[in-house]
Full PDB file with SEQRES, HELIX, SHEET, SSBOND, CRYST1, ORIGX, SCALE, CONECT and MASTER records, all heavy atoms in Angstrom:
SEQRES   1 A   37  GLY ASN PRO GLU PHE ALA VAL GLY ALA VAL ASP GLU THR          
SEQRES   2 A   37  GLY TRP LYS TYR LEU ALA ASP TYR ALA ARG GLU ALA GLY          
SEQRES   3 A   37  ALA SER PRO GLN TYR ILE GLU ARG VAL ALA ALA                  
HELIX    1 AA1 PRO A   29  ALA A   36  1                                   8    
SHEET    1 AA1 2 GLY A   8  VAL A  10  0                                        
SHEET    2 AA1 2 LYS A  16  LEU A  18 -1                                        
CRYST1    1.000    1.000    1.000  90.00  90.00  90.00 P 1           1          
ORIGX1      1.000000  0.000000  0.000000        0.00000                         
ORIGX2      0.000000  1.000000  0.000000        0.00000                         
ORIGX3      0.000000  0.000000  1.000000        0.00000                         
SCALE1      1.000000  0.000000  0.000000        0.00000                         
SCALE2      0.000000  1.000000  0.000000        0.00000                         
SCALE3      0.000000  0.000000  1.000000        0.00000                         
ATOM      1  N   GLY A   1       0.793  -1.218   0.006  1.00  0.00           N  
ATOM      2  CA  GLY A   1      -0.008  -0.050  -0.001  1.00  0.00           C  
ATOM      3  C   GLY A   1       0.833   1.269   0.042  1.00  0.00           C  
ATOM      4  O   GLY A   1       0.267   2.388   0.001  1.00  0.00           O  
ATOM      5  N   ASN A   2       2.109   1.131  -0.031  1.00  0.00           N  
ATOM      6  CA  ASN A   2       2.986   2.354  -0.010  1.00  0.00           C  
ATOM      7  C   ASN A   2       4.188   2.105  -0.961  1.00  0.00           C  
ATOM      8  O   ASN A   2       5.300   1.783  -0.506  1.00  0.00           O  
ATOM      9  CB  ASN A   2       3.473   2.628   1.390  1.00  0.00           C  
ATOM     10  CG  ASN A   2       4.177   3.971   1.489  1.00  0.00           C  
ATOM     11  OD1 ASN A   2       4.435   4.630   0.485  1.00  0.00           O  
ATOM     12  ND2 ASN A   2       4.473   4.419   2.749  1.00  0.00           N  
ATOM     13  N   PRO A   3       4.025   2.323  -2.257  1.00  0.00           N  
ATOM     14  CA  PRO A   3       5.066   1.937  -3.209  1.00  0.00           C  
ATOM     15  C   PRO A   3       6.345   2.730  -3.073  1.00  0.00           C  
ATOM     16  O   PRO A   3       7.402   2.361  -3.564  1.00  0.00           O  
ATOM     17  CB  PRO A   3       4.341   2.196  -4.576  1.00  0.00           C  
ATOM     18  CG  PRO A   3       3.244   3.158  -4.239  1.00  0.00           C  
ATOM     19  CD  PRO A   3       2.823   2.858  -2.909  1.00  0.00           C  
ATOM     20  N   GLU A   4       6.361   3.889  -2.366  1.00  0.00           N  
ATOM     21  CA  GLU A   4       7.569   4.712  -2.263  1.00  0.00           C  
ATOM     22  C   GLU A   4       8.357   4.291  -1.057  1.00  0.00           C  
ATOM     23  O   GLU A   4       9.550   4.711  -0.978  1.00  0.00           O  
ATOM     24  CB  GLU A   4       7.177   6.179  -2.174  1.00  0.00           C  
ATOM     25  CG  GLU A   4       6.520   6.722  -3.358  1.00  0.00           C  
ATOM     26  CD  GLU A   4       7.344   6.574  -4.654  1.00  0.00           C  
ATOM     27  OE1 GLU A   4       8.555   6.831  -4.571  1.00  0.00           O  
ATOM     28  OE2 GLU A   4       6.855   6.119  -5.678  1.00  0.00           O  
ATOM     29  N   PHE A   5       7.813   3.471  -0.204  1.00  0.00           N  
ATOM     30  CA  PHE A   5       8.532   3.098   1.046  1.00  0.00           C  
ATOM     31  C   PHE A   5       9.118   1.677   0.942  1.00  0.00           C  
ATOM     32  O   PHE A   5       8.396   0.715   0.735  1.00  0.00           O  
ATOM     33  CB  PHE A   5       7.620   3.184   2.281  1.00  0.00           C  
ATOM     34  CG  PHE A   5       8.231   2.852   3.559  1.00  0.00           C  
ATOM     35  CD1 PHE A   5       9.346   3.636   3.979  1.00  0.00           C  
ATOM     36  CD2 PHE A   5       7.850   1.803   4.352  1.00  0.00           C  
ATOM     37  CE1 PHE A   5       9.926   3.352   5.197  1.00  0.00           C  
ATOM     38  CE2 PHE A   5       8.386   1.513   5.574  1.00  0.00           C  
ATOM     39  CZ  PHE A   5       9.455   2.292   5.991  1.00  0.00           C  
ATOM     40  N   ALA A   6      10.396   1.554   1.045  1.00  0.00           N  
ATOM     41  CA  ALA A   6      11.092   0.256   0.821  1.00  0.00           C  
ATOM     42  C   ALA A   6      11.088  -0.559   2.085  1.00  0.00           C  
ATOM     43  O   ALA A   6      11.508   0.009   3.116  1.00  0.00           O  
ATOM     44  CB  ALA A   6      12.493   0.450   0.256  1.00  0.00           C  
ATOM     45  N   VAL A   7      10.752  -1.815   2.027  1.00  0.00           N  
ATOM     46  CA  VAL A   7      10.892  -2.746   3.131  1.00  0.00           C  
ATOM     47  C   VAL A   7      12.037  -3.722   2.878  1.00  0.00           C  
ATOM     48  O   VAL A   7      12.298  -4.566   3.685  1.00  0.00           O  
ATOM     49  CB  VAL A   7       9.579  -3.482   3.472  1.00  0.00           C  
ATOM     50  CG1 VAL A   7       8.511  -2.550   3.926  1.00  0.00           C  
ATOM     51  CG2 VAL A   7       9.147  -4.352   2.218  1.00  0.00           C  
ATOM     52  N   GLY A   8      12.696  -3.493   1.739  1.00  0.00           N  
ATOM     53  CA  GLY A   8      13.808  -4.378   1.376  1.00  0.00           C  
ATOM     54  C   GLY A   8      14.180  -4.112  -0.019  1.00  0.00           C  
ATOM     55  O   GLY A   8      13.785  -3.162  -0.704  1.00  0.00           O  
ATOM     56  N   ALA A   9      15.033  -5.004  -0.546  1.00  0.00           N  
ATOM     57  CA  ALA A   9      15.464  -4.877  -1.970  1.00  0.00           C  
ATOM     58  C   ALA A   9      15.941  -6.222  -2.452  1.00  0.00           C  
ATOM     59  O   ALA A   9      16.244  -7.166  -1.658  1.00  0.00           O  
ATOM     60  CB  ALA A   9      16.575  -3.853  -2.106  1.00  0.00           C  
ATOM     61  N   VAL A  10      15.990  -6.347  -3.779  1.00  0.00           N  
ATOM     62  CA  VAL A  10      16.430  -7.657  -4.387  1.00  0.00           C  
ATOM     63  C   VAL A  10      17.543  -7.298  -5.372  1.00  0.00           C  
ATOM     64  O   VAL A  10      17.443  -6.259  -6.118  1.00  0.00           O  
ATOM     65  CB  VAL A  10      15.246  -8.385  -5.058  1.00  0.00           C  
ATOM     66  CG1 VAL A  10      14.570  -7.566  -6.138  1.00  0.00           C  
ATOM     67  CG2 VAL A  10      15.701  -9.820  -5.535  1.00  0.00           C  
ATOM     68  N   ASP A  11      18.554  -8.172  -5.536  1.00  0.00           N  
ATOM     69  CA  ASP A  11      19.571  -7.899  -6.538  1.00  0.00           C  
ATOM     70  C   ASP A  11      19.388  -8.844  -7.713  1.00  0.00           C  
ATOM     71  O   ASP A  11      18.412  -9.654  -7.753  1.00  0.00           O  
ATOM     72  CB  ASP A  11      20.986  -7.955  -5.906  1.00  0.00           C  
ATOM     73  CG  ASP A  11      21.435  -9.377  -5.628  1.00  0.00           C  
ATOM     74  OD1 ASP A  11      20.788 -10.397  -5.960  1.00  0.00           O  
ATOM     75  OD2 ASP A  11      22.526  -9.527  -4.937  1.00  0.00           O  
ATOM     76  N   GLU A  12      20.317  -8.793  -8.684  1.00  0.00           N  
ATOM     77  CA  GLU A  12      20.143  -9.477  -9.934  1.00  0.00           C  
ATOM     78  C   GLU A  12      20.229 -10.989  -9.783  1.00  0.00           C  
ATOM     79  O   GLU A  12      19.627 -11.704 -10.584  1.00  0.00           O  
ATOM     80  CB  GLU A  12      21.233  -9.059 -10.880  1.00  0.00           C  
ATOM     81  CG  GLU A  12      20.969  -9.317 -12.333  1.00  0.00           C  
ATOM     82  CD  GLU A  12      21.807  -8.487 -13.239  1.00  0.00           C  
ATOM     83  OE1 GLU A  12      22.652  -7.681 -12.733  1.00  0.00           O  
ATOM     84  OE2 GLU A  12      21.765  -8.628 -14.473  1.00  0.00           O  
ATOM     85  N   THR A  13      20.830 -11.481  -8.688  1.00  0.00           N  
ATOM     86  CA  THR A  13      20.900 -12.954  -8.459  1.00  0.00           C  
ATOM     87  C   THR A  13      19.642 -13.480  -7.752  1.00  0.00           C  
ATOM     88  O   THR A  13      19.517 -14.688  -7.599  1.00  0.00           O  
ATOM     89  CB  THR A  13      22.093 -13.253  -7.629  1.00  0.00           C  
ATOM     90  OG1 THR A  13      21.922 -12.784  -6.230  1.00  0.00           O  
ATOM     91  CG2 THR A  13      23.354 -12.668  -8.154  1.00  0.00           C  
ATOM     92  N   GLY A  14      18.812 -12.532  -7.287  1.00  0.00           N  
ATOM     93  CA  GLY A  14      17.634 -12.993  -6.483  1.00  0.00           C  
ATOM     94  C   GLY A  14      17.840 -12.873  -5.003  1.00  0.00           C  
ATOM     95  O   GLY A  14      16.889 -13.166  -4.208  1.00  0.00           O  
ATOM     96  N   TRP A  15      19.089 -12.445  -4.544  1.00  0.00           N  
ATOM     97  CA  TRP A  15      19.377 -12.272  -3.140  1.00  0.00           C  
ATOM     98  C   TRP A  15      18.459 -11.103  -2.640  1.00  0.00           C  
ATOM     99  O   TRP A  15      18.349 -10.075  -3.269  1.00  0.00           O  
ATOM    100  CB  TRP A  15      20.789 -12.018  -2.886  1.00  0.00           C  
ATOM    101  CG  TRP A  15      21.169 -11.734  -1.482  1.00  0.00           C  
ATOM    102  CD1 TRP A  15      21.444 -12.721  -0.534  1.00  0.00           C  
ATOM    103  CD2 TRP A  15      21.276 -10.444  -0.816  1.00  0.00           C  
ATOM    104  NE1 TRP A  15      21.722 -12.059   0.720  1.00  0.00           N  
ATOM    105  CE2 TRP A  15      21.647 -10.713   0.532  1.00  0.00           C  
ATOM    106  CE3 TRP A  15      21.135  -9.155  -1.243  1.00  0.00           C  
ATOM    107  CZ2 TRP A  15      21.825  -9.725   1.496  1.00  0.00           C  
ATOM    108  CZ3 TRP A  15      21.254  -8.130  -0.287  1.00  0.00           C  
ATOM    109  CH2 TRP A  15      21.662  -8.389   1.043  1.00  0.00           C  
ATOM    110  N   LYS A  16      17.906 -11.275  -1.456  1.00  0.00           N  
ATOM    111  CA  LYS A  16      17.020 -10.283  -0.952  1.00  0.00           C  
ATOM    112  C   LYS A  16      17.582  -9.718   0.445  1.00  0.00           C  
ATOM    113  O   LYS A  16      18.010 -10.485   1.308  1.00  0.00           O  
ATOM    114  CB  LYS A  16      15.611 -10.821  -0.632  1.00  0.00           C  
ATOM    115  CG  LYS A  16      14.884 -11.225  -1.934  1.00  0.00           C  
ATOM    116  CD  LYS A  16      13.521 -11.766  -1.614  1.00  0.00           C  
ATOM    117  CE  LYS A  16      13.452 -13.139  -1.038  1.00  0.00           C  
ATOM    118  NZ  LYS A  16      14.019 -14.161  -1.927  1.00  0.00           N  
ATOM    119  N   TYR A  17      17.495  -8.428   0.585  1.00  0.00           N  
ATOM    120  CA  TYR A  17      17.682  -7.768   1.843  1.00  0.00           C  
ATOM    121  C   TYR A  17      16.378  -7.330   2.425  1.00  0.00           C  
ATOM    122  O   TYR A  17      15.516  -6.749   1.675  1.00  0.00           O  
ATOM    123  CB  TYR A  17      18.607  -6.539   1.680  1.00  0.00           C  
ATOM    124  CG  TYR A  17      18.465  -5.581   2.820  1.00  0.00           C  
ATOM    125  CD1 TYR A  17      19.163  -5.867   4.046  1.00  0.00           C  
ATOM    126  CD2 TYR A  17      17.758  -4.438   2.766  1.00  0.00           C  
ATOM    127  CE1 TYR A  17      19.037  -5.047   5.152  1.00  0.00           C  
ATOM    128  CE2 TYR A  17      17.643  -3.528   3.866  1.00  0.00           C  
ATOM    129  CZ  TYR A  17      18.291  -3.862   5.015  1.00  0.00           C  
ATOM    130  OH  TYR A  17      18.189  -3.011   6.068  1.00  0.00           O  
ATOM    131  N   LEU A  18      16.164  -7.622   3.683  1.00  0.00           N  
ATOM    132  CA  LEU A  18      14.848  -7.200   4.294  1.00  0.00           C  
ATOM    133  C   LEU A  18      15.177  -6.308   5.461  1.00  0.00           C  
ATOM    134  O   LEU A  18      16.002  -6.652   6.302  1.00  0.00           O  
ATOM    135  CB  LEU A  18      14.029  -8.447   4.787  1.00  0.00           C  
ATOM    136  CG  LEU A  18      13.401  -9.339   3.692  1.00  0.00           C  
ATOM    137  CD1 LEU A  18      12.721 -10.445   4.323  1.00  0.00           C  
ATOM    138  CD2 LEU A  18      12.522  -8.515   2.735  1.00  0.00           C  
ATOM    139  N   ALA A  19      14.451  -5.186   5.526  1.00  0.00           N  
ATOM    140  CA  ALA A  19      14.645  -4.267   6.650  1.00  0.00           C  
ATOM    141  C   ALA A  19      14.023  -4.926   7.875  1.00  0.00           C  
ATOM    142  O   ALA A  19      13.128  -5.764   7.838  1.00  0.00           O  
ATOM    143  CB  ALA A  19      13.956  -2.944   6.375  1.00  0.00           C  
ATOM    144  N   ASP A  20      14.521  -4.481   9.099  1.00  0.00           N  
ATOM    145  CA  ASP A  20      14.064  -5.069  10.320  1.00  0.00           C  
ATOM    146  C   ASP A  20      12.586  -4.693  10.636  1.00  0.00           C  
ATOM    147  O   ASP A  20      12.007  -5.266  11.476  1.00  0.00           O  
ATOM    148  CB  ASP A  20      14.927  -4.583  11.490  1.00  0.00           C  
ATOM    149  CG  ASP A  20      15.244  -3.163  11.541  1.00  0.00           C  
ATOM    150  OD1 ASP A  20      14.519  -2.406  10.899  1.00  0.00           O  
ATOM    151  OD2 ASP A  20      16.127  -2.768  12.283  1.00  0.00           O  
ATOM    152  N   TYR A  21      12.106  -3.704   9.888  1.00  0.00           N  
ATOM    153  CA  TYR A  21      10.717  -3.239  10.116  1.00  0.00           C  
ATOM    154  C   TYR A  21       9.731  -3.848   9.079  1.00  0.00           C  
ATOM    155  O   TYR A  21       8.577  -3.404   8.933  1.00  0.00           O  
ATOM    156  CB  TYR A  21      10.591  -1.751  10.093  1.00  0.00           C  
ATOM    157  CG  TYR A  21      11.229  -1.115   8.871  1.00  0.00           C  
ATOM    158  CD1 TYR A  21      10.555  -1.080   7.640  1.00  0.00           C  
ATOM    159  CD2 TYR A  21      12.478  -0.550   8.898  1.00  0.00           C  
ATOM    160  CE1 TYR A  21      11.146  -0.518   6.551  1.00  0.00           C  
ATOM    161  CE2 TYR A  21      13.118   0.021   7.832  1.00  0.00           C  
ATOM    162  CZ  TYR A  21      12.440   0.006   6.631  1.00  0.00           C  
ATOM    163  OH  TYR A  21      13.002   0.600   5.522  1.00  0.00           O  
ATOM    164  N   ALA A  22      10.200  -4.724   8.244  1.00  0.00           N  
ATOM    165  CA  ALA A  22       9.383  -5.237   7.109  1.00  0.00           C  
ATOM    166  C   ALA A  22       8.068  -5.893   7.633  1.00  0.00           C  
ATOM    167  O   ALA A  22       6.977  -5.603   7.095  1.00  0.00           O  
ATOM    168  CB  ALA A  22      10.202  -6.360   6.289  1.00  0.00           C  
ATOM    169  N   ARG A  23       8.128  -6.686   8.628  1.00  0.00           N  
ATOM    170  CA  ARG A  23       6.918  -7.325   9.135  1.00  0.00           C  
ATOM    171  C   ARG A  23       5.937  -6.318   9.690  1.00  0.00           C  
ATOM    172  O   ARG A  23       4.702  -6.355   9.504  1.00  0.00           O  
ATOM    173  CB  ARG A  23       7.236  -8.406  10.170  1.00  0.00           C  
ATOM    174  CG  ARG A  23       7.659  -9.709   9.524  1.00  0.00           C  
ATOM    175  CD  ARG A  23       7.738 -10.829  10.655  1.00  0.00           C  
ATOM    176  NE  ARG A  23       8.034 -12.121  10.049  1.00  0.00           N  
ATOM    177  CZ  ARG A  23       7.082 -12.957   9.652  1.00  0.00           C  
ATOM    178  NH1 ARG A  23       5.775 -12.576   9.676  1.00  0.00           N  
ATOM    179  NH2 ARG A  23       7.452 -14.099   9.149  1.00  0.00           N  
ATOM    180  N   GLU A  24       6.516  -5.345  10.453  1.00  0.00           N  
ATOM    181  CA  GLU A  24       5.646  -4.293  11.063  1.00  0.00           C  
ATOM    182  C   GLU A  24       4.931  -3.453   9.957  1.00  0.00           C  
ATOM    183  O   GLU A  24       3.857  -2.998  10.174  1.00  0.00           O  
ATOM    184  CB  GLU A  24       6.521  -3.308  11.917  1.00  0.00           C  
ATOM    185  CG  GLU A  24       7.056  -4.013  13.121  1.00  0.00           C  
ATOM    186  CD  GLU A  24       7.918  -3.044  13.907  1.00  0.00           C  
ATOM    187  OE1 GLU A  24       7.808  -1.812  13.701  1.00  0.00           O  
ATOM    188  OE2 GLU A  24       8.712  -3.483  14.771  1.00  0.00           O  
ATOM    189  N   ALA A  25       5.584  -3.391   8.747  1.00  0.00           N  
ATOM    190  CA  ALA A  25       5.014  -2.619   7.642  1.00  0.00           C  
ATOM    191  C   ALA A  25       3.962  -3.458   6.918  1.00  0.00           C  
ATOM    192  O   ALA A  25       3.396  -3.002   5.907  1.00  0.00           O  
ATOM    193  CB  ALA A  25       6.086  -2.136   6.704  1.00  0.00           C  
ATOM    194  N   GLY A  26       3.744  -4.694   7.322  1.00  0.00           N  
ATOM    195  CA  GLY A  26       2.741  -5.586   6.709  1.00  0.00           C  
ATOM    196  C   GLY A  26       3.244  -6.474   5.625  1.00  0.00           C  
ATOM    197  O   GLY A  26       2.448  -7.099   4.947  1.00  0.00           O  
ATOM    198  N   ALA A  27       4.566  -6.577   5.529  1.00  0.00           N  
ATOM    199  CA  ALA A  27       5.142  -7.421   4.417  1.00  0.00           C  
ATOM    200  C   ALA A  27       5.325  -8.846   4.920  1.00  0.00           C  
ATOM    201  O   ALA A  27       6.361  -9.198   5.628  1.00  0.00           O  
ATOM    202  CB  ALA A  27       6.504  -6.843   4.080  1.00  0.00           C  
ATOM    203  N   SER A  28       4.407  -9.717   4.648  1.00  0.00           N  
ATOM    204  CA  SER A  28       4.480 -11.171   5.030  1.00  0.00           C  
ATOM    205  C   SER A  28       5.479 -11.882   4.135  1.00  0.00           C  
ATOM    206  O   SER A  28       5.855 -11.316   3.064  1.00  0.00           O  
ATOM    207  CB  SER A  28       3.112 -11.810   4.865  1.00  0.00           C  
ATOM    208  OG  SER A  28       2.745 -11.851   3.467  1.00  0.00           O  
ATOM    209  N   PRO A  29       5.981 -13.037   4.585  1.00  0.00           N  
ATOM    210  CA  PRO A  29       6.877 -13.756   3.697  1.00  0.00           C  
ATOM    211  C   PRO A  29       6.274 -14.003   2.300  1.00  0.00           C  
ATOM    212  O   PRO A  29       7.007 -13.947   1.355  1.00  0.00           O  
ATOM    213  CB  PRO A  29       7.071 -15.094   4.420  1.00  0.00           C  
ATOM    214  CG  PRO A  29       6.888 -14.673   5.910  1.00  0.00           C  
ATOM    215  CD  PRO A  29       5.791 -13.682   5.928  1.00  0.00           C  
ATOM    216  N   GLN A  30       4.990 -14.327   2.244  1.00  0.00           N  
ATOM    217  CA  GLN A  30       4.364 -14.562   0.938  1.00  0.00           C  
ATOM    218  C   GLN A  30       4.365 -13.316   0.092  1.00  0.00           C  
ATOM    219  O   GLN A  30       4.617 -13.357  -1.158  1.00  0.00           O  
ATOM    220  CB  GLN A  30       2.899 -15.060   1.149  1.00  0.00           C  
ATOM    221  CG  GLN A  30       2.827 -16.393   1.894  1.00  0.00           C  
ATOM    222  CD  GLN A  30       2.926 -16.351   3.339  1.00  0.00           C  
ATOM    223  OE1 GLN A  30       3.059 -15.209   3.934  1.00  0.00           O  
ATOM    224  NE2 GLN A  30       3.074 -17.470   4.003  1.00  0.00           N  
ATOM    225  N   TYR A  31       4.051 -12.216   0.714  1.00  0.00           N  
ATOM    226  CA  TYR A  31       4.091 -10.881   0.033  1.00  0.00           C  
ATOM    227  C   TYR A  31       5.517 -10.635  -0.572  1.00  0.00           C  
ATOM    228  O   TYR A  31       5.664 -10.248  -1.705  1.00  0.00           O  
ATOM    229  CB  TYR A  31       3.632  -9.818   0.916  1.00  0.00           C  
ATOM    230  CG  TYR A  31       3.867  -8.420   0.345  1.00  0.00           C  
ATOM    231  CD1 TYR A  31       2.859  -7.807  -0.447  1.00  0.00           C  
ATOM    232  CD2 TYR A  31       5.001  -7.707   0.642  1.00  0.00           C  
ATOM    233  CE1 TYR A  31       3.087  -6.589  -1.000  1.00  0.00           C  
ATOM    234  CE2 TYR A  31       5.233  -6.429   0.087  1.00  0.00           C  
ATOM    235  CZ  TYR A  31       4.262  -5.857  -0.754  1.00  0.00           C  
ATOM    236  OH  TYR A  31       4.411  -4.635  -1.253  1.00  0.00           O  
ATOM    237  N   ILE A  32       6.474 -10.794   0.294  1.00  0.00           N  
ATOM    238  CA  ILE A  32       7.891 -10.582  -0.052  1.00  0.00           C  
ATOM    239  C   ILE A  32       8.258 -11.393  -1.326  1.00  0.00           C  
ATOM    240  O   ILE A  32       8.881 -10.940  -2.326  1.00  0.00           O  
ATOM    241  CB  ILE A  32       8.847 -10.849   1.026  1.00  0.00           C  
ATOM    242  CG1 ILE A  32       8.657  -9.767   2.110  1.00  0.00           C  
ATOM    243  CG2 ILE A  32      10.340 -10.879   0.554  1.00  0.00           C  
ATOM    244  CD1 ILE A  32       9.051  -8.391   1.794  1.00  0.00           C  
ATOM    245  N   GLU A  33       7.913 -12.746  -1.290  1.00  0.00           N  
ATOM    246  CA  GLU A  33       8.301 -13.573  -2.352  1.00  0.00           C  
ATOM    247  C   GLU A  33       7.594 -13.150  -3.711  1.00  0.00           C  
ATOM    248  O   GLU A  33       8.199 -13.147  -4.779  1.00  0.00           O  
ATOM    249  CB  GLU A  33       7.901 -15.025  -2.054  1.00  0.00           C  
ATOM    250  CG  GLU A  33       8.802 -15.649  -1.020  1.00  0.00           C  
ATOM    251  CD  GLU A  33      10.252 -15.629  -1.375  1.00  0.00           C  
ATOM    252  OE1 GLU A  33      10.588 -15.910  -2.529  1.00  0.00           O  
ATOM    253  OE2 GLU A  33      11.104 -15.304  -0.469  1.00  0.00           O  
ATOM    254  N   ARG A  34       6.297 -12.727  -3.588  1.00  0.00           N  
ATOM    255  CA  ARG A  34       5.572 -12.293  -4.740  1.00  0.00           C  
ATOM    256  C   ARG A  34       6.133 -11.079  -5.352  1.00  0.00           C  
ATOM    257  O   ARG A  34       6.390 -10.915  -6.609  1.00  0.00           O  
ATOM    258  CB  ARG A  34       4.079 -12.106  -4.400  1.00  0.00           C  
ATOM    259  CG  ARG A  34       3.220 -11.790  -5.559  1.00  0.00           C  
ATOM    260  CD  ARG A  34       1.760 -11.771  -5.154  1.00  0.00           C  
ATOM    261  NE  ARG A  34       1.391 -10.662  -4.242  1.00  0.00           N  
ATOM    262  CZ  ARG A  34       1.120 -10.808  -3.012  1.00  0.00           C  
ATOM    263  NH1 ARG A  34       1.181 -11.963  -2.417  1.00  0.00           N  
ATOM    264  NH2 ARG A  34       0.873  -9.731  -2.319  1.00  0.00           N  
ATOM    265  N   VAL A  35       6.441 -10.091  -4.448  1.00  0.00           N  
ATOM    266  CA  VAL A  35       6.898  -8.776  -5.000  1.00  0.00           C  
ATOM    267  C   VAL A  35       8.332  -8.936  -5.526  1.00  0.00           C  
ATOM    268  O   VAL A  35       8.712  -8.325  -6.488  1.00  0.00           O  
ATOM    269  CB  VAL A  35       6.838  -7.744  -3.859  1.00  0.00           C  
ATOM    270  CG1 VAL A  35       7.582  -6.447  -4.249  1.00  0.00           C  
ATOM    271  CG2 VAL A  35       5.368  -7.407  -3.524  1.00  0.00           C  
ATOM    272  N   ALA A  36       9.126  -9.694  -4.846  1.00  0.00           N  
ATOM    273  CA  ALA A  36      10.572  -9.928  -5.282  1.00  0.00           C  
ATOM    274  C   ALA A  36      10.576 -10.547  -6.658  1.00  0.00           C  
ATOM    275  O   ALA A  36      11.434 -10.217  -7.475  1.00  0.00           O  
ATOM    276  CB  ALA A  36      11.254 -10.787  -4.255  1.00  0.00           C  
ATOM    277  N   ALA A  37       9.729 -11.510  -6.894  1.00  0.00           N  
ATOM    278  CA  ALA A  37       9.679 -12.199  -8.238  1.00  0.00           C  
ATOM    279  C   ALA A  37       9.287 -11.164  -9.284  1.00  0.00           C  
ATOM    280  O   ALA A  37       9.896 -11.188 -10.382  1.00  0.00           O  
ATOM    281  CB  ALA A  37       8.656 -13.322  -8.205  1.00  0.00           C  
TER     282      ALA A  37                                                      
MASTER        0    0    0    1    2    0    0    6  281    1    0    3          
END                                                                             
């Protein structure tokens, strides 16, 4: 719901960095996998 606010990032290999506040921001593991893909 907030496309300008990053809860993490993904690089070209598929490696993901997740911020420590990602869950608090509503980013579930399923959401992260879907958005990262």
